[in-house]
Amino acid sequence: MGKKLYVGNLPFSVNDSSLRTHFATIGNVDSAKVITDRDTGRSKGFGFVEMSTDDEAQSAISKLDGSAFEGRNMTVNEAKPMEKRDNNRSGGFGGGNGGGGRGRY
């Protein structure tokens, strides 16, 4: 089984197909996915590529990390597992008792 690679600093014009084609110059690509904004559908500038073998993944990292792709220097490294999110934690909006400062005297 191959490794999943994180690919960052992608041009916003890149789609799944062009990402796959670019990495196919190194070896067999099992999957290629550019991450897009769910509201606008616009690329977020990063994606993931899964190479068929570990050797191909290592080759892709060594050959493509820092290389130019449509005018931008890509970041390519081994993808880290996604951290589990805690949906019950408070989101940064504090909570209750946030009045405006207009006290009554």
PDB file of N, CA and C in Angstrom:
ATOM      1  N   MET A   1       0.838  -1.188   0.000  1.00  0.00           N
ATOM      2  CA  MET A   1       0.000   0.000   0.000  1.00  0.00           C
ATOM      3  C   MET A   1       0.880   1.247   0.000  1.00  0.00           C
ATOM      4  N   GLY A   2       0.459   2.247  -0.725  1.00  0.00           N
ATOM      5  CA  GLY A   2       1.219   3.477  -0.840  1.00  0.00           C
ATOM      6  C   GLY A   2       0.942   4.437   0.292  1.00  0.00           C
ATOM      7  N   LYS A   3       1.555   5.593   0.169  1.00  0.00           N
ATOM      8  CA  LYS A   3       1.388   6.619   1.186  1.00  0.00           C
ATOM      9  C   LYS A   3       0.588   7.778   0.638  1.00  0.00           C
ATOM     10  N   LYS A   4      -0.148   8.396   1.528  1.00  0.00           N
ATOM     11  CA  LYS A   4      -0.882   9.607   1.184  1.00  0.00           C
ATOM     12  C   LYS A   4       0.030  10.798   1.426  1.00  0.00           C
ATOM     13  N   LEU A   5       0.074  11.694   0.456  1.00  0.00           N
ATOM     14  CA  LEU A   5       0.923  12.865   0.536  1.00  0.00           C
ATOM     15  C   LEU A   5       0.084  14.121   0.649  1.00  0.00           C
ATOM     16  N   TYR A   6       0.553  15.057   1.451  1.00  0.00           N
ATOM     17  CA  TYR A   6      -0.027  16.389   1.534  1.00  0.00           C
ATOM     18  C   TYR A   6       0.691  17.246   0.497  1.00  0.00           C
ATOM     19  N   VAL A   7      -0.078  17.996  -0.295  1.00  0.00           N
ATOM     20  CA  VAL A   7       0.492  18.882  -1.299  1.00  0.00           C
ATOM     21  C   VAL A   7      -0.045  20.284  -1.033  1.00  0.00           C
ATOM     22  N   GLY A   8       0.837  21.193  -0.648  1.00  0.00           N
ATOM     23  CA  GLY A   8       0.424  22.542  -0.307  1.00  0.00           C
ATOM     24  C   GLY A   8       0.968  23.578  -1.272  1.00  0.00           C
ATOM     25  N   ASN A   9       0.471  24.792  -1.135  1.00  0.00           N
ATOM     26  CA  ASN A   9       0.852  25.943  -1.956  1.00  0.00           C
ATOM     27  C   ASN A   9       0.542  25.711  -3.437  1.00  0.00           C
ATOM     28  N   LEU A  10      -0.605  25.086  -3.678  1.00  0.00           N
ATOM     29  CA  LEU A  10      -1.031  24.838  -5.057  1.00  0.00           C
ATOM     30  C   LEU A  10      -1.641  26.094  -5.662  1.00  0.00           C
ATOM     31  N   PRO A  11      -1.457  26.290  -6.958  1.00  0.00           N
ATOM     32  CA  PRO A  11      -2.158  27.389  -7.632  1.00  0.00           C
ATOM     33  C   PRO A  11      -3.668  27.126  -7.565  1.00  0.00           C
ATOM     34  N   PHE A  12      -4.457  28.171  -7.481  1.00  0.00           N
ATOM     35  CA  PHE A  12      -5.900  27.995  -7.365  1.00  0.00           C
ATOM     36  C   PHE A  12      -6.526  27.437  -8.641  1.00  0.00           C
ATOM     37  N   SER A  13      -5.771  27.440  -9.742  1.00  0.00           N
ATOM     38  CA  SER A  13      -6.278  26.914 -11.014  1.00  0.00           C
ATOM     39  C   SER A  13      -6.177  25.389 -11.095  1.00  0.00           C
ATOM     40  N   VAL A  14      -5.450  24.758 -10.184  1.00  0.00           N
ATOM     41  CA  VAL A  14      -5.242  23.307 -10.232  1.00  0.00           C
ATOM     42  C   VAL A  14      -6.520  22.585  -9.799  1.00  0.00           C
ATOM     43  N   ASN A  15      -6.853  21.501 -10.537  1.00  0.00           N
ATOM     44  CA  ASN A  15      -7.987  20.656 -10.163  1.00  0.00           C
ATOM     45  C   ASN A  15      -7.479  19.228  -9.940  1.00  0.00           C
ATOM     46  N   ASP A  16      -8.378  18.321  -9.602  1.00  0.00           N
ATOM     47  CA  ASP A  16      -7.989  16.940  -9.307  1.00  0.00           C
ATOM     48  C   ASP A  16      -7.222  16.311 -10.467  1.00  0.00           C
ATOM     49  N   SER A  17      -7.709  16.530 -11.674  1.00  0.00           N
ATOM     50  CA  SER A  17      -7.114  15.920 -12.858  1.00  0.00           C
ATOM     51  C   SER A  17      -5.692  16.429 -13.121  1.00  0.00           C
ATOM     52  N   SER A  18      -5.495  17.736 -13.041  1.00  0.00           N
ATOM     53  CA  SER A  18      -4.158  18.274 -13.298  1.00  0.00           C
ATOM     54  C   SER A  18      -3.180  17.890 -12.191  1.00  0.00           C
ATOM     55  N   LEU A  19      -3.663  17.767 -10.962  1.00  0.00           N
ATOM     56  CA  LEU A  19      -2.809  17.319  -9.858  1.00  0.00           C
ATOM     57  C   LEU A  19      -2.378  15.874 -10.094  1.00  0.00           C
ATOM     58  N   ARG A  20      -3.326  15.037 -10.487  1.00  0.00           N
ATOM     59  CA  ARG A  20      -3.025  13.626 -10.780  1.00  0.00           C
ATOM     60  C   ARG A  20      -2.001  13.522 -11.913  1.00  0.00           C
ATOM     61  N   THR A  21      -2.209  14.277 -12.974  1.00  0.00           N
ATOM     62  CA  THR A  21      -1.307  14.250 -14.124  1.00  0.00           C
ATOM     63  C   THR A  21       0.106  14.666 -13.739  1.00  0.00           C
ATOM     64  N   HIS A  22       0.210  15.694 -12.913  1.00  0.00           N
ATOM     65  CA  HIS A  22       1.526  16.183 -12.492  1.00  0.00           C
ATOM     66  C   HIS A  22       2.279  15.122 -11.690  1.00  0.00           C
ATOM     67  N   PHE A  23       1.610  14.442 -10.775  1.00  0.00           N
ATOM     68  CA  PHE A  23       2.260  13.430  -9.943  1.00  0.00           C
ATOM     69  C   PHE A  23       2.475  12.123 -10.696  1.00  0.00           C
ATOM     70  N   ALA A  24       1.715  11.885 -11.752  1.00  0.00           N
ATOM     71  CA  ALA A  24       1.875  10.663 -12.546  1.00  0.00           C
ATOM     72  C   ALA A  24       3.212  10.630 -13.275  1.00  0.00           C
ATOM     73  N   THR A  25       3.873  11.780 -13.387  1.00  0.00           N
ATOM     74  CA  THR A  25       5.211  11.797 -13.991  1.00  0.00           C
ATOM     75  C   THR A  25       6.225  11.093 -13.094  1.00  0.00           C
ATOM     76  N   ILE A  26       5.909  10.928 -11.821  1.00  0.00           N
ATOM     77  CA  ILE A  26       6.797  10.283 -10.849  1.00  0.00           C
ATOM     78  C   ILE A  26       6.478   8.800 -10.716  1.00  0.00           C
ATOM     79  N   GLY A  27       5.186   8.450 -10.711  1.00  0.00           N
ATOM     80  CA  GLY A  27       4.780   7.058 -10.520  1.00  0.00           C
ATOM     81  C   GLY A  27       3.279   6.918 -10.613  1.00  0.00           C
ATOM     82  N   ASN A  28       2.780   5.740 -10.236  1.00  0.00           N
ATOM     83  CA  ASN A  28       1.343   5.470 -10.281  1.00  0.00           C
ATOM     84  C   ASN A  28       0.611   6.212  -9.169  1.00  0.00           C
ATOM     85  N   VAL A  29      -0.442   6.918  -9.560  1.00  0.00           N
ATOM     86  CA  VAL A  29      -1.241   7.685  -8.611  1.00  0.00           C
ATOM     87  C   VAL A  29      -2.560   6.949  -8.380  1.00  0.00           C
ATOM     88  N   ASP A  30      -2.832   6.599  -7.113  1.00  0.00           N
ATOM     89  CA  ASP A  30      -4.098   5.945  -6.781  1.00  0.00           C
ATOM     90  C   ASP A  30      -5.241   6.954  -6.691  1.00  0.00           C
ATOM     91  N   SER A  31      -4.945   8.128  -6.136  1.00  0.00           N
ATOM     92  CA  SER A  31      -5.976   9.165  -6.036  1.00  0.00           C
ATOM     93  C   SER A  31      -5.314  10.529  -5.906  1.00  0.00           C
ATOM     94  N   ALA A  32      -6.043  11.549  -6.342  1.00  0.00           N
ATOM     95  CA  ALA A  32      -5.583  12.935  -6.216  1.00  0.00           C
ATOM     96  C   ALA A  32      -6.810  13.791  -5.959  1.00  0.00           C
ATOM     97  N   LYS A  33      -6.755  14.606  -4.916  1.00  0.00           N
ATOM     98  CA  LYS A  33      -7.903  15.418  -4.539  1.00  0.00           C
ATOM     99  C   LYS A  33      -7.449  16.800  -4.106  1.00  0.00           C
ATOM    100  N   VAL A  34      -7.956  17.821  -4.797  1.00  0.00           N
ATOM    101  CA  VAL A  34      -7.730  19.205  -4.395  1.00  0.00           C
ATOM    102  C   VAL A  34      -8.872  19.572  -3.455  1.00  0.00           C
ATOM    103  N   ILE A  35      -8.549  20.137  -2.314  1.00  0.00           N
ATOM    104  CA  ILE A  35      -9.560  20.503  -1.325  1.00  0.00           C
ATOM    105  C   ILE A  35     -10.170  21.846  -1.721  1.00  0.00           C
ATOM    106  N   THR A  36     -11.506  21.884  -1.723  1.00  0.00           N
ATOM    107  CA  THR A  36     -12.215  23.091  -2.126  1.00  0.00           C
ATOM    108  C   THR A  36     -13.102  23.604  -0.997  1.00  0.00           C
ATOM    109  N   ASP A  37     -13.392  24.884  -1.040  1.00  0.00           N
ATOM    110  CA  ASP A  37     -14.306  25.508  -0.089  1.00  0.00           C
ATOM    111  C   ASP A  37     -15.712  25.002  -0.368  1.00  0.00           C
ATOM    112  N   ARG A  38     -16.411  24.567   0.647  1.00  0.00           N
ATOM    113  CA  ARG A  38     -17.732  23.976   0.411  1.00  0.00           C
ATOM    114  C   ARG A  38     -18.765  25.004  -0.027  1.00  0.00           C
ATOM    115  N   ASP A  39     -18.582  26.267   0.330  1.00  0.00           N
ATOM    116  CA  ASP A  39     -19.547  27.295  -0.059  1.00  0.00           C
ATOM    117  C   ASP A  39     -19.302  27.830  -1.465  1.00  0.00           C
ATOM    118  N   THR A  40     -18.039  28.084  -1.793  1.00  0.00           N
ATOM    119  CA  THR A  40     -17.731  28.709  -3.085  1.00  0.00           C
ATOM    120  C   THR A  40     -17.258  27.721  -4.142  1.00  0.00           C
ATOM    121  N   GLY A  41     -16.780  26.546  -3.723  1.00  0.00           N
ATOM    122  CA  GLY A  41     -16.239  25.575  -4.662  1.00  0.00           C
ATOM    123  C   GLY A  41     -14.829  25.917  -5.123  1.00  0.00           C
ATOM    124  N   ARG A  42     -14.265  26.999  -4.614  1.00  0.00           N
ATOM    125  CA  ARG A  42     -12.925  27.439  -4.993  1.00  0.00           C
ATOM    126  C   ARG A  42     -11.869  26.628  -4.242  1.00  0.00           C
ATOM    127  N   SER A  43     -10.766  26.351  -4.915  1.00  0.00           N
ATOM    128  CA  SER A  43      -9.668  25.607  -4.306  1.00  0.00           C
ATOM    129  C   SER A  43      -9.156  26.336  -3.070  1.00  0.00           C
ATOM    130  N   LYS A  44      -8.771  25.561  -2.065  1.00  0.00           N
ATOM    131  CA  LYS A  44      -8.160  26.142  -0.868  1.00  0.00           C
ATOM    132  C   LYS A  44      -6.641  26.180  -0.986  1.00  0.00           C
ATOM    133  N   GLY A  45      -6.102  25.716  -2.116  1.00  0.00           N
ATOM    134  CA  GLY A  45      -4.668  25.797  -2.344  1.00  0.00           C
ATOM    135  C   GLY A  45      -3.873  24.621  -1.813  1.00  0.00           C
ATOM    136  N   PHE A  46      -4.562  23.542  -1.446  1.00  0.00           N
ATOM    137  CA  PHE A  46      -3.849  22.341  -1.026  1.00  0.00           C
ATOM    138  C   PHE A  46      -4.670  21.111  -1.384  1.00  0.00           C
ATOM    139  N   GLY A  47      -4.017  19.966  -1.333  1.00  0.00           N
ATOM    140  CA  GLY A  47      -4.711  18.727  -1.670  1.00  0.00           C
ATOM    141  C   GLY A  47      -3.938  17.528  -1.177  1.00  0.00           C
ATOM    142  N   PHE A  48      -4.393  16.355  -1.596  1.00  0.00           N
ATOM    143  CA  PHE A  48      -3.780  15.101  -1.185  1.00  0.00           C
ATOM    144  C   PHE A  48      -3.622  14.196  -2.399  1.00  0.00           C
ATOM    145  N   VAL A  49      -2.497  13.502  -2.447  1.00  0.00           N
ATOM    146  CA  VAL A  49      -2.220  12.547  -3.515  1.00  0.00           C
ATOM    147  C   VAL A  49      -1.814  11.245  -2.854  1.00  0.00           C
ATOM    148  N   GLU A  50      -2.385  10.142  -3.323  1.00  0.00           N
ATOM    149  CA  GLU A  50      -1.986   8.835  -2.813  1.00  0.00           C
ATOM    150  C   GLU A  50      -1.248   8.100  -3.924  1.00  0.00           C
ATOM    151  N   MET A  51       0.010   7.799  -3.656  1.00  0.00           N
ATOM    152  CA  MET A  51       0.847   7.071  -4.608  1.00  0.00           C
ATOM    153  C   MET A  51       0.690   5.573  -4.358  1.00  0.00           C
ATOM    154  N   SER A  52       0.947   4.763  -5.392  1.00  0.00           N
ATOM    155  CA  SER A  52       0.729   3.316  -5.301  1.00  0.00           C
ATOM    156  C   SER A  52       1.682   2.605  -4.351  1.00  0.00           C
ATOM    157  N   THR A  53       2.925   3.063  -4.287  1.00  0.00           N
ATOM    158  CA  THR A  53       3.900   2.400  -3.410  1.00  0.00           C
ATOM    159  C   THR A  53       4.600   3.431  -2.528  1.00  0.00           C
ATOM    160  N   ASP A  54       5.193   2.942  -1.464  1.00  0.00           N
ATOM    161  CA  ASP A  54       5.955   3.818  -0.575  1.00  0.00           C
ATOM    162  C   ASP A  54       7.160   4.416  -1.296  1.00  0.00           C
ATOM    163  N   ASP A  55       7.785   3.626  -2.156  1.00  0.00           N
ATOM    164  CA  ASP A  55       8.950   4.129  -2.902  1.00  0.00           C
ATOM    165  C   ASP A  55       8.553   5.267  -3.828  1.00  0.00           C
ATOM    166  N   GLU A  56       7.406   5.145  -4.496  1.00  0.00           N
ATOM    167  CA  GLU A  56       6.930   6.218  -5.372  1.00  0.00           C
ATOM    168  C   GLU A  56       6.585   7.465  -4.562  1.00  0.00           C
ATOM    169  N   ALA A  57       6.027   7.259  -3.376  1.00  0.00           N
ATOM    170  CA  ALA A  57       5.700   8.397  -2.510  1.00  0.00           C
ATOM    171  C   ALA A  57       6.972   9.119  -2.095  1.00  0.00           C
ATOM    172  N   GLN A  58       7.993   8.380  -1.697  1.00  0.00           N
ATOM    173  CA  GLN A  58       9.262   8.992  -1.306  1.00  0.00           C
ATOM    174  C   GLN A  58       9.900   9.718  -2.482  1.00  0.00           C
ATOM    175  N   SER A  59       9.809   9.131  -3.653  1.00  0.00           N
ATOM    176  CA  SER A  59      10.356   9.753  -4.849  1.00  0.00           C
ATOM    177  C   SER A  59       9.623  11.061  -5.162  1.00  0.00           C
ATOM    178  N   ALA A  60       8.314  11.044  -5.016  1.00  0.00           N
ATOM    179  CA  ALA A  60       7.515  12.258  -5.263  1.00  0.00           C
ATOM    180  C   ALA A  60       7.899  13.357  -4.279  1.00  0.00           C
ATOM    181  N   ILE A  61       8.103  13.004  -3.016  1.00  0.00           N
ATOM    182  CA  ILE A  61       8.496  13.994  -2.010  1.00  0.00           C
ATOM    183  C   ILE A  61       9.847  14.595  -2.377  1.00  0.00           C
ATOM    184  N   SER A  62      10.818  13.733  -2.677  1.00  0.00           N
ATOM    185  CA  SER A  62      12.167  14.239  -2.942  1.00  0.00           C
ATOM    186  C   SER A  62      12.245  15.038  -4.242  1.00  0.00           C
ATOM    187  N   LYS A  63      11.464  14.674  -5.246  1.00  0.00           N
ATOM    188  CA  LYS A  63      11.540  15.358  -6.539  1.00  0.00           C
ATOM    189  C   LYS A  63      10.631  16.585  -6.651  1.00  0.00           C
ATOM    190  N   LEU A  64       9.501  16.568  -5.949  1.00  0.00           N
ATOM    191  CA  LEU A  64       8.514  17.634  -6.151  1.00  0.00           C
ATOM    192  C   LEU A  64       8.428  18.661  -5.031  1.00  0.00           C
ATOM    193  N   ASP A  65       8.908  18.329  -3.832  1.00  0.00           N
ATOM    194  CA  ASP A  65       8.845  19.297  -2.736  1.00  0.00           C
ATOM    195  C   ASP A  65       9.714  20.503  -3.084  1.00  0.00           C
ATOM    196  N   GLY A  66       9.112  21.667  -3.107  1.00  0.00           N
ATOM    197  CA  GLY A  66       9.829  22.893  -3.439  1.00  0.00           C
ATOM    198  C   GLY A  66       9.886  23.195  -4.926  1.00  0.00           C
ATOM    199  N   SER A  67       9.370  22.285  -5.753  1.00  0.00           N
ATOM    200  CA  SER A  67       9.417  22.505  -7.203  1.00  0.00           C
ATOM    201  C   SER A  67       8.260  23.396  -7.648  1.00  0.00           C
ATOM    202  N   ALA A  68       8.463  24.060  -8.768  1.00  0.00           N
ATOM    203  CA  ALA A  68       7.449  24.973  -9.303  1.00  0.00           C
ATOM    204  C   ALA A  68       6.354  24.198 -10.035  1.00  0.00           C
ATOM    205  N   PHE A  69       5.122  24.595  -9.784  1.00  0.00           N
ATOM    206  CA  PHE A  69       3.960  24.025 -10.474  1.00  0.00           C
ATOM    207  C   PHE A  69       3.038  25.193 -10.798  1.00  0.00           C
ATOM    208  N   GLU A  70       2.950  25.530 -12.067  1.00  0.00           N
ATOM    209  CA  GLU A  70       2.160  26.665 -12.545  1.00  0.00           C
ATOM    210  C   GLU A  70       2.504  27.952 -11.777  1.00  0.00           C
ATOM    211  N   GLY A  71       3.797  28.168 -11.584  1.00  0.00           N
ATOM    212  CA  GLY A  71       4.265  29.415 -10.993  1.00  0.00           C
ATOM    213  C   GLY A  71       4.360  29.454  -9.478  1.00  0.00           C
ATOM    214  N   ARG A  72       4.016  28.369  -8.799  1.00  0.00           N
ATOM    215  CA  ARG A  72       4.122  28.342  -7.333  1.00  0.00           C
ATOM    216  C   ARG A  72       4.974  27.162  -6.901  1.00  0.00           C
ATOM    217  N   ASN A  73       5.755  27.344  -5.850  1.00  0.00           N
ATOM    218  CA  ASN A  73       6.588  26.263  -5.326  1.00  0.00           C
ATOM    219  C   ASN A  73       5.775  25.422  -4.349  1.00  0.00           C
ATOM    220  N   MET A  74       5.543  24.168  -4.738  1.00  0.00           N
ATOM    221  CA  MET A  74       4.721  23.259  -3.938  1.00  0.00           C
ATOM    222  C   MET A  74       5.441  22.792  -2.684  1.00  0.00           C
ATOM    223  N   THR A  75       4.657  22.466  -1.687  1.00  0.00           N
ATOM    224  CA  THR A  75       5.114  21.764  -0.502  1.00  0.00           C
ATOM    225  C   THR A  75       4.573  20.348  -0.612  1.00  0.00           C
ATOM    226  N   VAL A  76       5.442  19.367  -0.548  1.00  0.00           N
ATOM    227  CA  VAL A  76       5.010  17.966  -0.634  1.00  0.00           C
ATOM    228  C   VAL A  76       5.643  17.212   0.516  1.00  0.00           C
ATOM    229  N   ASN A  77       4.797  16.599   1.352  1.00  0.00           N
ATOM    230  CA  ASN A  77       5.309  15.755   2.417  1.00  0.00           C
ATOM    231  C   ASN A  77       4.271  14.699   2.771  1.00  0.00           C
ATOM    232  N   GLU A  78       4.665  13.787   3.638  1.00  0.00           N
ATOM    233  CA  GLU A  78       3.757  12.716   4.023  1.00  0.00           C
ATOM    234  C   GLU A  78       2.593  13.308   4.825  1.00  0.00           C
ATOM    235  N   ALA A  79       1.382  12.910   4.464  1.00  0.00           N
ATOM    236  CA  ALA A  79       0.193  13.422   5.151  1.00  0.00           C
ATOM    237  C   ALA A  79       0.131  12.833   6.555  1.00  0.00           C
ATOM    238  N   LYS A  80      -0.277  13.676   7.483  1.00  0.00           N
ATOM    239  CA  LYS A  80      -0.461  13.226   8.863  1.00  0.00           C
ATOM    240  C   LYS A  80      -1.925  12.838   9.041  1.00  0.00           C
ATOM    241  N   PRO A  81      -2.202  11.873   9.912  1.00  0.00           N
ATOM    242  CA  PRO A  81      -3.596  11.501  10.151  1.00  0.00           C
ATOM    243  C   PRO A  81      -4.395  12.686  10.695  1.00  0.00           C
ATOM    244  N   MET A  82      -5.635  12.792  10.266  1.00  0.00           N
ATOM    245  CA  MET A  82      -6.477  13.884  10.722  1.00  0.00           C
ATOM    246  C   MET A  82      -6.794  13.700  12.201  1.00  0.00           C
ATOM    247  N   GLU A  83      -6.641  14.772  12.961  1.00  0.00           N
ATOM    248  CA  GLU A  83      -6.934  14.709  14.389  1.00  0.00           C
ATOM    249  C   GLU A  83      -8.435  14.689  14.595  1.00  0.00           C
ATOM    250  N   LYS A  84      -8.844  13.928  15.586  1.00  0.00           N
ATOM    251  CA  LYS A  84     -10.260  13.847  15.901  1.00  0.00           C
ATOM    252  C   LYS A  84     -10.723  15.177  16.482  1.00  0.00           C
ATOM    253  N   ARG A  85     -11.859  15.641  16.011  1.00  0.00           N
ATOM    254  CA  ARG A  85     -12.399  16.907  16.503  1.00  0.00           C
ATOM    255  C   ARG A  85     -13.391  16.641  17.621  1.00  0.00           C
ATOM    256  N   ASP A  86     -13.373  17.509  18.618  1.00  0.00           N
ATOM    257  CA  ASP A  86     -14.330  17.415  19.716  1.00  0.00           C
ATOM    258  C   ASP A  86     -15.449  18.399  19.430  1.00  0.00           C
ATOM    259  N   ASN A  87     -16.601  17.874  19.041  1.00  0.00           N
ATOM    260  CA  ASN A  87     -17.724  18.730  18.660  1.00  0.00           C
ATOM    261  C   ASN A  87     -18.420  19.371  19.849  1.00  0.00           C
ATOM    262  N   ASN A  88     -18.059  18.964  21.057  1.00  0.00           N
ATOM    263  CA  ASN A  88     -18.735  19.507  22.233  1.00  0.00           C
ATOM    264  C   ASN A  88     -18.008  20.692  22.852  1.00  0.00           C
ATOM    265  N   ARG A  89     -16.814  20.986  22.383  1.00  0.00           N
ATOM    266  CA  ARG A  89     -16.088  22.097  22.994  1.00  0.00           C
ATOM    267  C   ARG A  89     -16.649  23.426  22.509  1.00  0.00           C
ATOM    268  N   SER A  90     -16.430  24.442  23.293  1.00  0.00           N
ATOM    269  CA  SER A  90     -16.954  25.740  22.896  1.00  0.00           C
ATOM    270  C   SER A  90     -16.095  26.298  21.785  1.00  0.00           C
ATOM    271  N   GLY A  91     -16.693  26.992  20.876  1.00  0.00           N
ATOM    272  CA  GLY A  91     -16.013  27.396  19.670  1.00  0.00           C
ATOM    273  C   GLY A  91     -15.284  28.710  19.721  1.00  0.00           C
ATOM    274  N   GLY A  92     -15.090  29.370  20.745  1.00  0.00           N
ATOM    275  CA  GLY A  92     -14.326  30.591  20.731  1.00  0.00           C
ATOM    276  C   GLY A  92     -15.187  31.833  20.821  1.00  0.00           C
ATOM    277  N   PHE A  93     -16.455  31.657  21.016  1.00  0.00           N
ATOM    278  CA  PHE A  93     -17.327  32.805  21.165  1.00  0.00           C
ATOM    279  C   PHE A  93     -17.648  33.041  22.637  1.00  0.00           C
ATOM    280  N   GLY A  94     -16.878  32.447  23.500  1.00  0.00           N
ATOM    281  CA  GLY A  94     -17.096  32.656  24.934  1.00  0.00           C
ATOM    282  C   GLY A  94     -18.402  32.035  25.347  1.00  0.00           C
ATOM    283  N   GLY A  95     -19.252  32.747  25.831  1.00  0.00           N
ATOM    284  CA  GLY A  95     -20.556  32.225  26.214  1.00  0.00           C
ATOM    285  C   GLY A  95     -21.227  33.208  27.127  1.00  0.00           C
ATOM    286  N   GLY A  96     -22.458  33.146  27.236  1.00  0.00           N
ATOM    287  CA  GLY A  96     -23.335  33.931  28.070  1.00  0.00           C
ATOM    288  C   GLY A  96     -22.792  35.200  28.705  1.00  0.00           C
ATOM    289  N   ASN A  97     -23.610  35.919  29.336  1.00  0.00           N
ATOM    290  CA  ASN A  97     -23.317  37.068  30.159  1.00  0.00           C
ATOM    291  C   ASN A  97     -22.495  38.141  29.437  1.00  0.00           C
ATOM    292  N   GLY A  98     -22.619  38.258  28.171  1.00  0.00           N
ATOM    293  CA  GLY A  98     -21.825  39.232  27.439  1.00  0.00           C
ATOM    294  C   GLY A  98     -22.629  40.455  27.088  1.00  0.00           C
ATOM    295  N   GLY A  99     -22.990  41.209  28.041  1.00  0.00           N
ATOM    296  CA  GLY A  99     -23.763  42.426  27.788  1.00  0.00           C
ATOM    297  C   GLY A  99     -22.902  43.534  27.250  1.00  0.00           C
ATOM    298  N   GLY A 100     -23.484  44.570  26.857  1.00  0.00           N
ATOM    299  CA  GLY A 100     -22.762  45.657  26.222  1.00  0.00           C
ATOM    300  C   GLY A 100     -22.090  46.624  27.154  1.00  0.00           C
ATOM    301  N   GLY A 101     -22.204  46.816  28.276  1.00  0.00           N
ATOM    302  CA  GLY A 101     -21.492  47.824  29.033  1.00  0.00           C
ATOM    303  C   GLY A 101     -22.375  49.041  29.307  1.00  0.00           C
ATOM    304  N   ARG A 102     -23.596  48.941  29.060  1.00  0.00           N
ATOM    305  CA  ARG A 102     -24.541  50.028  29.372  1.00  0.00           C
ATOM    306  C   ARG A 102     -25.282  49.645  30.654  1.00  0.00           C
ATOM    307  N   GLY A 103     -24.624  49.842  31.717  1.00  0.00           N
ATOM    308  CA  GLY A 103     -25.265  49.507  32.992  1.00  0.00           C
ATOM    309  C   GLY A 103     -26.256  50.572  33.414  1.00  0.00           C
ATOM    310  N   ARG A 104     -27.175  50.202  34.225  1.00  0.00           N
ATOM    311  CA  ARG A 104     -28.154  51.166  34.741  1.00  0.00           C
ATOM    312  C   ARG A 104     -27.725  51.586  36.120  1.00  0.00           C
ATOM    313  N   TYR A 105     -27.864  52.843  36.386  1.00  0.00           N
ATOM    314  CA  TYR A 105     -27.467  53.363  37.695  1.00  0.00           C
ATOM    315  C   TYR A 105     -28.641  53.848  38.452  1.00  0.00           C
TER     316      TYR A 105
END
